[in-house]
Amino acid sequence: MDSFLALLLNGLNSSALILTAALGMVIICGLMDVINLAHGELIMIGAYTAFAVTQTAGLGFWVALPLSFITAAAAGTIMEVLVVKRLTGRPAETMLATFGISVVLQQVTNIVFGAQSQYVAIPIEGKVTFGHVVIPYYNIFTILFAAAVTAGTVLLLKKTKFGRRVRAVTQNRAMAECLGINTAQVDTLIFAFGSGLAGLAGALAAPVKSVSPFMGGPYLINSFMTSVVGGVGSFTGTTVGSLFVGESTALLGGVSNDVLASILVLLMIIAIIRFKPEGLFAKERR
């Protein structure tokens, strides 16, 4: 029972990291219909920002968190303005272009920082013990932080003027333009916000994962699987999907190995897609 509880809590921590990583992709894909294959590299940018701020500049992790958001958001803005905006309505070319950007970012990072893995010190030391189950304080912070980011994102998009503009553009772009909404600006801001969330995910993962130029690939895959299971554009689906992917991988990995666990999770997702092609919480379309 102690081992099962430990795996369950470890899966909850992994789910929190996946949720933070997937939020940015769900926002960009669900609201803009853009599949960004450089999403993993935006996560990598956030992780390297945390490394540079804490290990090179000697500042605290709490300074690195907002700077990771800002750095990744700036990178996303440049990407959207120079590339994505010019390929509007051409999803295949957008995917190819963002894949090319991901390769470039990997190689540039490899040249600047080197191929060796870097590490960020855990900002919150200590742990709490329940019987034989040990829970680090940083894991608790990760779960609470992911929940707070998700709640803040939902409130931003549902309770603010900016959120109303975003929903208007998503529902009917031509009518939104007729009503005076600058749809191009909304697209840029949404892409920047989604990219910033990816940067936050990278900073959050940096103390518990090694930071390397190629670290974004697994997060990209997990973000895609989360979106597919939950339904693109659904925050409830994103939360449930991240729990499914994180907990399933942790529990199956505990009784077998990580490779077999990933294969089994993929097979389960394929089964879900077979019966629910649009995801468990697909939004109704008019």
C-alpha atoms as a PDB file:
ATOM      1  CA  MET A   1       0.000   0.000   0.000  1.00  0.00           C
ATOM      2  CA  ASP A   2       2.852   2.385   0.818  1.00  0.00           C
ATOM      3  CA  SER A   3       4.463   1.679  -2.547  1.00  0.00           C
ATOM      4  CA  PHE A   4       1.167   2.234  -4.361  1.00  0.00           C
ATOM      5  CA  LEU A   5       0.586   5.512  -2.521  1.00  0.00           C
ATOM      6  CA  ALA A   6       4.126   6.655  -3.326  1.00  0.00           C
ATOM      7  CA  LEU A   7       3.583   5.888  -7.026  1.00  0.00           C
ATOM      8  CA  LEU A   8       0.240   7.678  -6.924  1.00  0.00           C
ATOM      9  CA  LEU A   9       1.769  10.819  -5.424  1.00  0.00           C
ATOM     10  CA  ASN A  10       4.687  10.677  -7.844  1.00  0.00           C
ATOM     11  CA  GLY A  11       2.177  10.437 -10.693  1.00  0.00           C
ATOM     12  CA  LEU A  12       0.335  13.458  -9.310  1.00  0.00           C
ATOM     13  CA  ASN A  13       3.558  15.465  -9.395  1.00  0.00           C
ATOM     14  CA  SER A  14       4.232  14.346 -12.982  1.00  0.00           C
ATOM     15  CA  SER A  15       0.649  15.232 -13.891  1.00  0.00           C
ATOM     16  CA  ALA A  16       1.166  18.749 -12.539  1.00  0.00           C
ATOM     17  CA  LEU A  17       4.239  19.232 -14.761  1.00  0.00           C
ATOM     18  CA  ILE A  18       2.388  17.816 -17.782  1.00  0.00           C
ATOM     19  CA  LEU A  19      -0.630  20.039 -17.086  1.00  0.00           C
ATOM     20  CA  THR A  20       1.504  23.190 -16.989  1.00  0.00           C
ATOM     21  CA  ALA A  21       3.285  22.133 -20.191  1.00  0.00           C
ATOM     22  CA  ALA A  22       0.066  21.193 -21.999  1.00  0.00           C
ATOM     23  CA  LEU A  23      -1.850  24.365 -21.100  1.00  0.00           C
ATOM     24  CA  GLY A  24       0.156  26.492 -23.528  1.00  0.00           C
ATOM     25  CA  MET A  25      -0.302  23.999 -26.356  1.00  0.00           C
ATOM     26  CA  VAL A  26      -4.047  23.673 -25.706  1.00  0.00           C
ATOM     27  CA  ILE A  27      -4.469  27.459 -25.773  1.00  0.00           C
ATOM     28  CA  ILE A  28      -2.537  27.907 -29.024  1.00  0.00           C
ATOM     29  CA  CYS A  29      -4.031  24.883 -30.754  1.00  0.00           C
ATOM     30  CA  GLY A  30      -7.568  25.257 -29.424  1.00  0.00           C
ATOM     31  CA  LEU A  31      -7.933  28.996 -29.933  1.00  0.00           C
ATOM     32  CA  MET A  32      -5.718  29.568 -32.971  1.00  0.00           C
ATOM     33  CA  ASP A  33      -5.866  26.150 -34.707  1.00  0.00           C
ATOM     34  CA  VAL A  34      -2.064  26.165 -34.847  1.00  0.00           C
ATOM     35  CA  ILE A  35      -0.072  23.026 -34.075  1.00  0.00           C
ATOM     36  CA  ASN A  36       3.230  24.301 -32.726  1.00  0.00           C
ATOM     37  CA  LEU A  37       5.911  21.623 -33.008  1.00  0.00           C
ATOM     38  CA  ALA A  38       8.407  23.967 -31.323  1.00  0.00           C
ATOM     39  CA  HIS A  39       6.399  23.856 -28.081  1.00  0.00           C
ATOM     40  CA  GLY A  40       8.955  21.550 -26.466  1.00  0.00           C
ATOM     41  CA  GLU A  41      11.734  23.998 -27.277  1.00  0.00           C
ATOM     42  CA  LEU A  42       9.796  26.815 -25.591  1.00  0.00           C
ATOM     43  CA  ILE A  43       9.737  24.606 -22.487  1.00  0.00           C
ATOM     44  CA  MET A  44      13.477  24.127 -22.939  1.00  0.00           C
ATOM     45  CA  ILE A  45      13.948  27.919 -23.154  1.00  0.00           C
ATOM     46  CA  GLY A  46      12.154  28.323 -19.829  1.00  0.00           C
ATOM     47  CA  ALA A  47      14.341  25.650 -18.232  1.00  0.00           C
ATOM     48  CA  TYR A  48      17.564  27.235 -19.485  1.00  0.00           C
ATOM     49  CA  THR A  49      16.357  30.642 -18.324  1.00  0.00           C
ATOM     50  CA  ALA A  50      15.908  29.194 -14.834  1.00  0.00           C
ATOM     51  CA  PHE A  51      19.386  27.659 -15.052  1.00  0.00           C
ATOM     52  CA  ALA A  52      20.998  30.910 -16.217  1.00  0.00           C
ATOM     53  CA  VAL A  53      19.234  33.028 -13.594  1.00  0.00           C
ATOM     54  CA  THR A  54      19.923  30.722 -10.640  1.00  0.00           C
ATOM     55  CA  GLN A  55      23.289  29.175 -11.466  1.00  0.00           C
ATOM     56  CA  THR A  56      24.980  31.830 -13.616  1.00  0.00           C
ATOM     57  CA  ALA A  57      23.469  35.092 -12.361  1.00  0.00           C
ATOM     58  CA  GLY A  58      23.147  33.803  -8.794  1.00  0.00           C
ATOM     59  CA  LEU A  59      19.574  35.040  -8.351  1.00  0.00           C
ATOM     60  CA  GLY A  60      16.769  33.138  -6.652  1.00  0.00           C
ATOM     61  CA  PHE A  61      14.413  30.640  -8.246  1.00  0.00           C
ATOM     62  CA  TRP A  62      11.500  32.963  -7.517  1.00  0.00           C
ATOM     63  CA  VAL A  63      13.101  35.509  -9.848  1.00  0.00           C
ATOM     64  CA  ALA A  64      13.657  32.796 -12.462  1.00  0.00           C
ATOM     65  CA  LEU A  65       9.966  31.802 -12.616  1.00  0.00           C
ATOM     66  CA  PRO A  66       8.594  35.103 -14.011  1.00  0.00           C
ATOM     67  CA  LEU A  67      11.698  35.601 -16.165  1.00  0.00           C
ATOM     68  CA  SER A  68      11.140  32.169 -17.710  1.00  0.00           C
ATOM     69  CA  PHE A  69       7.601  33.187 -18.612  1.00  0.00           C
ATOM     70  CA  ILE A  70       8.798  36.483 -20.112  1.00  0.00           C
ATOM     71  CA  THR A  71      11.667  34.915 -22.079  1.00  0.00           C
ATOM     72  CA  ALA A  72       9.525  32.152 -23.580  1.00  0.00           C
ATOM     73  CA  ALA A  73       6.711  34.626 -24.319  1.00  0.00           C
ATOM     74  CA  ALA A  74       9.179  36.885 -26.143  1.00  0.00           C
ATOM     75  CA  ALA A  75      10.474  33.927 -28.164  1.00  0.00           C
ATOM     76  CA  GLY A  76       6.901  32.928 -28.992  1.00  0.00           C
ATOM     77  CA  THR A  77       6.027  36.459 -30.065  1.00  0.00           C
ATOM     78  CA  ILE A  78       8.975  36.562 -32.466  1.00  0.00           C
ATOM     79  CA  MET A  79       8.006  33.149 -33.819  1.00  0.00           C
ATOM     80  CA  GLU A  80       4.377  34.155 -34.353  1.00  0.00           C
ATOM     81  CA  VAL A  81       5.108  37.508 -35.990  1.00  0.00           C
ATOM     82  CA  LEU A  82       7.886  36.317 -38.296  1.00  0.00           C
ATOM     83  CA  VAL A  83       6.642  32.829 -39.206  1.00  0.00           C
ATOM     84  CA  VAL A  84       3.236  31.669 -37.953  1.00  0.00           C
ATOM     85  CA  LYS A  85       1.324  34.793 -38.956  1.00  0.00           C
ATOM     86  CA  ARG A  86       2.607  34.497 -42.538  1.00  0.00           C
ATOM     87  CA  LEU A  87       1.298  30.913 -42.764  1.00  0.00           C
ATOM     88  CA  THR A  88      -2.247  31.518 -41.512  1.00  0.00           C
ATOM     89  CA  GLY A  89      -4.668  28.977 -42.939  1.00  0.00           C
ATOM     90  CA  ARG A  90      -1.897  26.587 -44.010  1.00  0.00           C
ATOM     91  CA  PRO A  91      -1.627  24.056 -41.158  1.00  0.00           C
ATOM     92  CA  ALA A  92       0.750  21.649 -42.919  1.00  0.00           C
ATOM     93  CA  GLU A  93       3.228  24.410 -43.720  1.00  0.00           C
ATOM     94  CA  THR A  94       2.891  25.811 -40.190  1.00  0.00           C
ATOM     95  CA  MET A  95       3.757  22.418 -38.705  1.00  0.00           C
ATOM     96  CA  LEU A  96       6.758  22.090 -41.019  1.00  0.00           C
ATOM     97  CA  ALA A  97       7.966  25.614 -40.195  1.00  0.00           C
ATOM     98  CA  THR A  98       7.645  25.169 -36.424  1.00  0.00           C
ATOM     99  CA  PHE A  99       9.432  21.820 -36.684  1.00  0.00           C
ATOM    100  CA  GLY A 100      12.281  23.605 -38.444  1.00  0.00           C
ATOM    101  CA  ILE A 101      12.317  26.236 -35.695  1.00  0.00           C
ATOM    102  CA  SER A 102      12.535  23.500 -33.056  1.00  0.00           C
ATOM    103  CA  VAL A 103      15.598  21.987 -34.756  1.00  0.00           C
ATOM    104  CA  VAL A 104      17.264  25.409 -35.006  1.00  0.00           C
ATOM    105  CA  LEU A 105      16.583  26.171 -31.332  1.00  0.00           C
ATOM    106  CA  GLN A 106      17.992  22.810 -30.278  1.00  0.00           C
ATOM    107  CA  GLN A 107      21.205  23.324 -32.216  1.00  0.00           C
ATOM    108  CA  VAL A 108      21.675  26.940 -31.099  1.00  0.00           C
ATOM    109  CA  THR A 109      21.207  25.895 -27.476  1.00  0.00           C
ATOM    110  CA  ASN A 110      23.617  23.026 -28.007  1.00  0.00           C
ATOM    111  CA  ILE A 111      26.248  25.478 -29.309  1.00  0.00           C
ATOM    112  CA  VAL A 112      25.710  28.036 -26.527  1.00  0.00           C
ATOM    113  CA  PHE A 113      25.344  25.750 -23.479  1.00  0.00           C
ATOM    114  CA  GLY A 114      26.808  22.485 -24.721  1.00  0.00           C
ATOM    115  CA  ALA A 115      25.247  19.048 -24.946  1.00  0.00           C
ATOM    116  CA  GLN A 116      25.874  18.109 -21.323  1.00  0.00           C
ATOM    117  CA  SER A 117      22.967  18.183 -18.913  1.00  0.00           C
ATOM    118  CA  GLN A 118      22.664  21.096 -16.501  1.00  0.00           C
ATOM    119  CA  TYR A 119      20.984  21.130 -13.117  1.00  0.00           C
ATOM    120  CA  VAL A 120      19.046  23.648 -11.050  1.00  0.00           C
ATOM    121  CA  ALA A 121      19.051  23.445  -7.263  1.00  0.00           C
ATOM    122  CA  ILE A 122      15.715  22.573  -5.650  1.00  0.00           C
ATOM    123  CA  PRO A 123      14.413  25.873  -4.212  1.00  0.00           C
ATOM    124  CA  ILE A 124      12.328  24.327  -1.427  1.00  0.00           C
ATOM    125  CA  GLU A 125      14.208  21.837   0.730  1.00  0.00           C
ATOM    126  CA  GLY A 126      12.597  19.426   3.119  1.00  0.00           C
ATOM    127  CA  LYS A 127       9.939  16.767   3.032  1.00  0.00           C
ATOM    128  CA  VAL A 128       6.893  15.551   4.840  1.00  0.00           C
ATOM    129  CA  THR A 129       6.521  11.898   5.882  1.00  0.00           C
ATOM    130  CA  PHE A 130       3.344   9.839   6.176  1.00  0.00           C
ATOM    131  CA  GLY A 131       4.312   6.420   7.496  1.00  0.00           C
ATOM    132  CA  HIS A 132       6.816   5.150   4.940  1.00  0.00           C
ATOM    133  CA  VAL A 133       5.720   7.618   2.241  1.00  0.00           C
ATOM    134  CA  VAL A 134       7.976  10.652   1.746  1.00  0.00           C
ATOM    135  CA  ILE A 135       6.688  13.742  -0.085  1.00  0.00           C
ATOM    136  CA  PRO A 136       9.193  16.522  -0.875  1.00  0.00           C
ATOM    137  CA  TYR A 137       7.919  20.027  -0.242  1.00  0.00           C
ATOM    138  CA  TYR A 138       8.821  21.008  -3.808  1.00  0.00           C
ATOM    139  CA  ASN A 139       6.433  18.364  -5.165  1.00  0.00           C
ATOM    140  CA  ILE A 140       3.628  19.880  -3.099  1.00  0.00           C
ATOM    141  CA  PHE A 141       4.560  23.331  -4.426  1.00  0.00           C
ATOM    142  CA  THR A 142       4.542  22.012  -8.019  1.00  0.00           C
ATOM    143  CA  ILE A 143       1.021  20.622  -7.650  1.00  0.00           C
ATOM    144  CA  LEU A 144      -0.323  23.806  -6.045  1.00  0.00           C
ATOM    145  CA  PHE A 145       1.459  26.015  -8.571  1.00  0.00           C
ATOM    146  CA  ALA A 146       0.040  24.055 -11.527  1.00  0.00           C
ATOM    147  CA  ALA A 147      -3.453  24.322 -10.033  1.00  0.00           C
ATOM    148  CA  ALA A 148      -3.025  28.080  -9.521  1.00  0.00           C
ATOM    149  CA  VAL A 149      -1.751  28.608 -13.087  1.00  0.00           C
ATOM    150  CA  THR A 150      -4.665  26.631 -14.500  1.00  0.00           C
ATOM    151  CA  ALA A 151      -7.215  28.560 -12.437  1.00  0.00           C
ATOM    152  CA  GLY A 152      -5.611  31.881 -13.384  1.00  0.00           C
ATOM    153  CA  THR A 153      -5.661  30.985 -17.070  1.00  0.00           C
ATOM    154  CA  VAL A 154      -9.333  30.026 -16.937  1.00  0.00           C
ATOM    155  CA  LEU A 155     -10.217  33.275 -15.144  1.00  0.00           C
ATOM    156  CA  LEU A 156      -8.193  35.306 -17.663  1.00  0.00           C
ATOM    157  CA  LEU A 157      -9.994  33.807 -20.642  1.00  0.00           C
ATOM    158  CA  LYS A 158     -13.481  33.734 -19.142  1.00  0.00           C
ATOM    159  CA  LYS A 159     -13.715  36.769 -16.855  1.00  0.00           C
ATOM    160  CA  THR A 160     -11.688  39.532 -18.508  1.00  0.00           C
ATOM    161  CA  LYS A 161     -12.159  41.853 -21.474  1.00  0.00           C
ATOM    162  CA  PHE A 162      -9.184  40.270 -23.184  1.00  0.00           C
ATOM    163  CA  GLY A 163     -10.728  36.828 -22.710  1.00  0.00           C
ATOM    164  CA  ARG A 164     -14.000  37.981 -24.281  1.00  0.00           C
ATOM    165  CA  ARG A 165     -12.073  39.245 -27.299  1.00  0.00           C
ATOM    166  CA  VAL A 166     -10.255  35.959 -27.591  1.00  0.00           C
ATOM    167  CA  ARG A 167     -13.513  33.990 -27.501  1.00  0.00           C
ATOM    168  CA  ALA A 168     -15.055  36.334 -30.069  1.00  0.00           C
ATOM    169  CA  VAL A 169     -12.138  35.822 -32.458  1.00  0.00           C
ATOM    170  CA  THR A 170     -12.274  32.069 -31.916  1.00  0.00           C
ATOM    171  CA  GLN A 171     -16.005  31.836 -32.621  1.00  0.00           C
ATOM    172  CA  ASN A 172     -16.199  34.173 -35.621  1.00  0.00           C
ATOM    173  CA  ARG A 173     -13.035  35.912 -36.799  1.00  0.00           C
ATOM    174  CA  ALA A 174     -14.726  37.882 -39.621  1.00  0.00           C
ATOM    175  CA  MET A 175     -17.456  39.231 -37.336  1.00  0.00           C
ATOM    176  CA  ALA A 176     -14.881  40.121 -34.656  1.00  0.00           C
ATOM    177  CA  GLU A 177     -12.950  42.163 -37.227  1.00  0.00           C
ATOM    178  CA  CYS A 178     -16.161  43.936 -38.253  1.00  0.00           C
ATOM    179  CA  LEU A 179     -16.705  44.886 -34.606  1.00  0.00           C
ATOM    180  CA  GLY A 180     -13.282  46.540 -34.453  1.00  0.00           C
ATOM    181  CA  ILE A 181     -11.258  43.812 -32.745  1.00  0.00           C
ATOM    182  CA  ASN A 182      -7.643  43.648 -33.883  1.00  0.00           C
ATOM    183  CA  THR A 183      -7.561  39.912 -34.557  1.00  0.00           C
ATOM    184  CA  ALA A 184      -3.880  39.892 -35.545  1.00  0.00           C
ATOM    185  CA  GLN A 185      -2.964  41.433 -32.198  1.00  0.00           C
ATOM    186  CA  VAL A 186      -5.147  38.931 -30.348  1.00  0.00           C
ATOM    187  CA  ASP A 187      -3.409  36.057 -32.155  1.00  0.00           C
ATOM    188  CA  THR A 188       0.021  37.400 -31.188  1.00  0.00           C
ATOM    189  CA  LEU A 189      -0.966  37.863 -27.544  1.00  0.00           C
ATOM    190  CA  ILE A 190      -2.480  34.381 -27.344  1.00  0.00           C
ATOM    191  CA  PHE A 191       0.606  32.802 -28.896  1.00  0.00           C
ATOM    192  CA  ALA A 192       2.840  34.770 -26.523  1.00  0.00           C
ATOM    193  CA  PHE A 193       0.756  33.741 -23.498  1.00  0.00           C
ATOM    194  CA  GLY A 194       0.774  30.071 -24.497  1.00  0.00           C
ATOM    195  CA  SER A 195       4.525  30.248 -25.067  1.00  0.00           C
ATOM    196  CA  GLY A 196       4.995  31.890 -21.668  1.00  0.00           C
ATOM    197  CA  LEU A 197       3.107  29.050 -20.003  1.00  0.00           C
ATOM    198  CA  ALA A 198       5.478  26.619 -21.727  1.00  0.00           C
ATOM    199  CA  GLY A 199       8.401  28.590 -20.290  1.00  0.00           C
ATOM    200  CA  LEU A 200       6.872  28.346 -16.823  1.00  0.00           C
ATOM    201  CA  ALA A 201       6.602  24.591 -17.245  1.00  0.00           C
ATOM    202  CA  GLY A 202      10.289  24.437 -18.147  1.00  0.00           C
ATOM    203  CA  ALA A 203      11.310  26.454 -15.093  1.00  0.00           C
ATOM    204  CA  LEU A 204       9.090  24.307 -12.882  1.00  0.00           C
ATOM    205  CA  ALA A 205      10.638  21.100 -14.249  1.00  0.00           C
ATOM    206  CA  ALA A 206      14.248  22.325 -14.121  1.00  0.00           C
ATOM    207  CA  PRO A 207      14.890  21.471 -10.419  1.00  0.00           C
ATOM    208  CA  VAL A 208      13.656  17.883 -10.812  1.00  0.00           C
ATOM    209  CA  LYS A 209      14.691  17.108 -14.403  1.00  0.00           C
ATOM    210  CA  SER A 210      18.016  17.556 -16.135  1.00  0.00           C
ATOM    211  CA  VAL A 211      18.181  20.607 -18.391  1.00  0.00           C
ATOM    212  CA  SER A 212      19.470  19.825 -21.887  1.00  0.00           C
ATOM    213  CA  PRO A 213      18.973  21.057 -25.474  1.00  0.00           C
ATOM    214  CA  PHE A 214      16.806  18.047 -26.283  1.00  0.00           C
ATOM    215  CA  MET A 215      14.635  17.928 -23.161  1.00  0.00           C
ATOM    216  CA  GLY A 216      11.555  19.311 -24.906  1.00  0.00           C
ATOM    217  CA  GLY A 217      10.696  16.199 -26.931  1.00  0.00           C
ATOM    218  CA  PRO A 218       9.046  14.153 -24.152  1.00  0.00           C
ATOM    219  CA  TYR A 219       7.049  17.177 -22.980  1.00  0.00           C
ATOM    220  CA  LEU A 220       5.837  17.809 -26.528  1.00  0.00           C
ATOM    221  CA  ILE A 221       4.653  14.211 -26.792  1.00  0.00           C
ATOM    222  CA  ASN A 222       2.953  14.287 -23.380  1.00  0.00           C
ATOM    223  CA  SER A 223       1.281  17.602 -24.246  1.00  0.00           C
ATOM    224  CA  PHE A 224      -0.072  16.113 -27.477  1.00  0.00           C
ATOM    225  CA  MET A 225      -1.351  13.012 -25.687  1.00  0.00           C
ATOM    226  CA  THR A 226      -2.988  15.173 -23.029  1.00  0.00           C
ATOM    227  CA  SER A 227      -4.719  17.288 -25.669  1.00  0.00           C
ATOM    228  CA  VAL A 228      -5.912  14.224 -27.574  1.00  0.00           C
ATOM    229  CA  VAL A 229      -7.324  12.501 -24.506  1.00  0.00           C
ATOM    230  CA  GLY A 230      -9.016  15.537 -22.990  1.00  0.00           C
ATOM    231  CA  GLY A 231     -10.150  17.308 -26.131  1.00  0.00           C
ATOM    232  CA  VAL A 232      -8.530  20.303 -27.810  1.00  0.00           C
ATOM    233  CA  GLY A 233      -9.650  23.605 -26.299  1.00  0.00           C
ATOM    234  CA  SER A 234     -11.112  22.117 -23.101  1.00  0.00           C
ATOM    235  CA  PHE A 235      -9.461  23.105 -19.823  1.00  0.00           C
ATOM    236  CA  THR A 236     -11.348  20.372 -17.985  1.00  0.00           C
ATOM    237  CA  GLY A 237     -10.177  17.884 -20.582  1.00  0.00           C
ATOM    238  CA  THR A 238      -6.597  19.131 -20.277  1.00  0.00           C
ATOM    239  CA  THR A 239      -6.671  18.603 -16.513  1.00  0.00           C
ATOM    240  CA  VAL A 240      -8.185  15.115 -16.790  1.00  0.00           C
ATOM    241  CA  GLY A 241      -5.848  14.216 -19.657  1.00  0.00           C
ATOM    242  CA  SER A 242      -2.751  15.264 -17.721  1.00  0.00           C
ATOM    243  CA  LEU A 243      -3.894  13.199 -14.723  1.00  0.00           C
ATOM    244  CA  PHE A 244      -4.496  10.211 -16.978  1.00  0.00           C
ATOM    245  CA  VAL A 245      -1.094  10.427 -18.696  1.00  0.00           C
ATOM    246  CA  GLY A 246       0.880  11.234 -15.534  1.00  0.00           C
ATOM    247  CA  GLU A 247      -0.745   8.704 -13.228  1.00  0.00           C
ATOM    248  CA  SER A 248      -0.864   5.905 -15.807  1.00  0.00           C
ATOM    249  CA  THR A 249       2.813   6.321 -16.669  1.00  0.00           C
ATOM    250  CA  ALA A 250       3.832   6.418 -12.989  1.00  0.00           C
ATOM    251  CA  LEU A 251       1.727   3.429 -11.916  1.00  0.00           C
ATOM    252  CA  LEU A 252       2.613   1.252 -14.913  1.00  0.00           C
ATOM    253  CA  GLY A 253       6.266   2.277 -14.664  1.00  0.00           C
ATOM    254  CA  GLY A 254       6.275   1.193 -11.034  1.00  0.00           C
ATOM    255  CA  VAL A 255       5.250  -2.373 -11.876  1.00  0.00           C
ATOM    256  CA  SER A 256       7.231  -2.691 -15.128  1.00  0.00           C
ATOM    257  CA  ASN A 257       9.591  -0.126 -16.676  1.00  0.00           C
ATOM    258  CA  ASP A 258       9.305   3.317 -18.220  1.00  0.00           C
ATOM    259  CA  VAL A 259       9.465   2.119 -21.830  1.00  0.00           C
ATOM    260  CA  LEU A 260       6.730  -0.505 -21.414  1.00  0.00           C
ATOM    261  CA  ALA A 261       4.653   1.994 -19.422  1.00  0.00           C
ATOM    262  CA  SER A 262       4.848   4.549 -22.256  1.00  0.00           C
ATOM    263  CA  ILE A 263       3.800   1.893 -24.786  1.00  0.00           C
ATOM    264  CA  LEU A 264       0.820   0.805 -22.672  1.00  0.00           C
ATOM    265  CA  VAL A 265      -0.297   4.413 -22.119  1.00  0.00           C
ATOM    266  CA  LEU A 266      -0.112   5.024 -25.875  1.00  0.00           C
ATOM    267  CA  LEU A 267      -2.229   1.931 -26.536  1.00  0.00           C
ATOM    268  CA  MET A 268      -4.833   3.113 -24.023  1.00  0.00           C
ATOM    269  CA  ILE A 269      -4.942   6.521 -25.696  1.00  0.00           C
ATOM    270  CA  ILE A 270      -5.434   4.858 -29.091  1.00  0.00           C
ATOM    271  CA  ALA A 271      -8.372   2.923 -27.619  1.00  0.00           C
ATOM    272  CA  ILE A 272      -9.875   6.147 -26.261  1.00  0.00           C
ATOM    273  CA  ILE A 273      -9.499   7.879 -29.631  1.00  0.00           C
ATOM    274  CA  ARG A 274     -11.209   4.919 -31.306  1.00  0.00           C
ATOM    275  CA  PHE A 275     -14.407   5.514 -29.344  1.00  0.00           C
ATOM    276  CA  LYS A 276     -14.040   9.257 -28.609  1.00  0.00           C
ATOM    277  CA  PRO A 277     -12.208  10.760 -31.619  1.00  0.00           C
ATOM    278  CA  GLU A 278     -12.599  14.344 -30.374  1.00  0.00           C
ATOM    279  CA  GLY A 279     -11.488  13.575 -26.807  1.00  0.00           C
ATOM    280  CA  LEU A 280     -13.304  12.953 -23.548  1.00  0.00           C
ATOM    281  CA  PHE A 281     -14.357  16.586 -23.110  1.00  0.00           C
ATOM    282  CA  ALA A 282     -14.655  17.834 -26.685  1.00  0.00           C
ATOM    283  CA  LYS A 283     -16.313  21.226 -27.018  1.00  0.00           C
ATOM    284  CA  GLU A 284     -19.580  21.300 -28.912  1.00  0.00           C
ATOM    285  CA  ARG A 285     -19.402  23.047 -32.268  1.00  0.00           C
ATOM    286  CA  ARG A 286     -22.278  24.917 -33.862  1.00  0.00           C
END
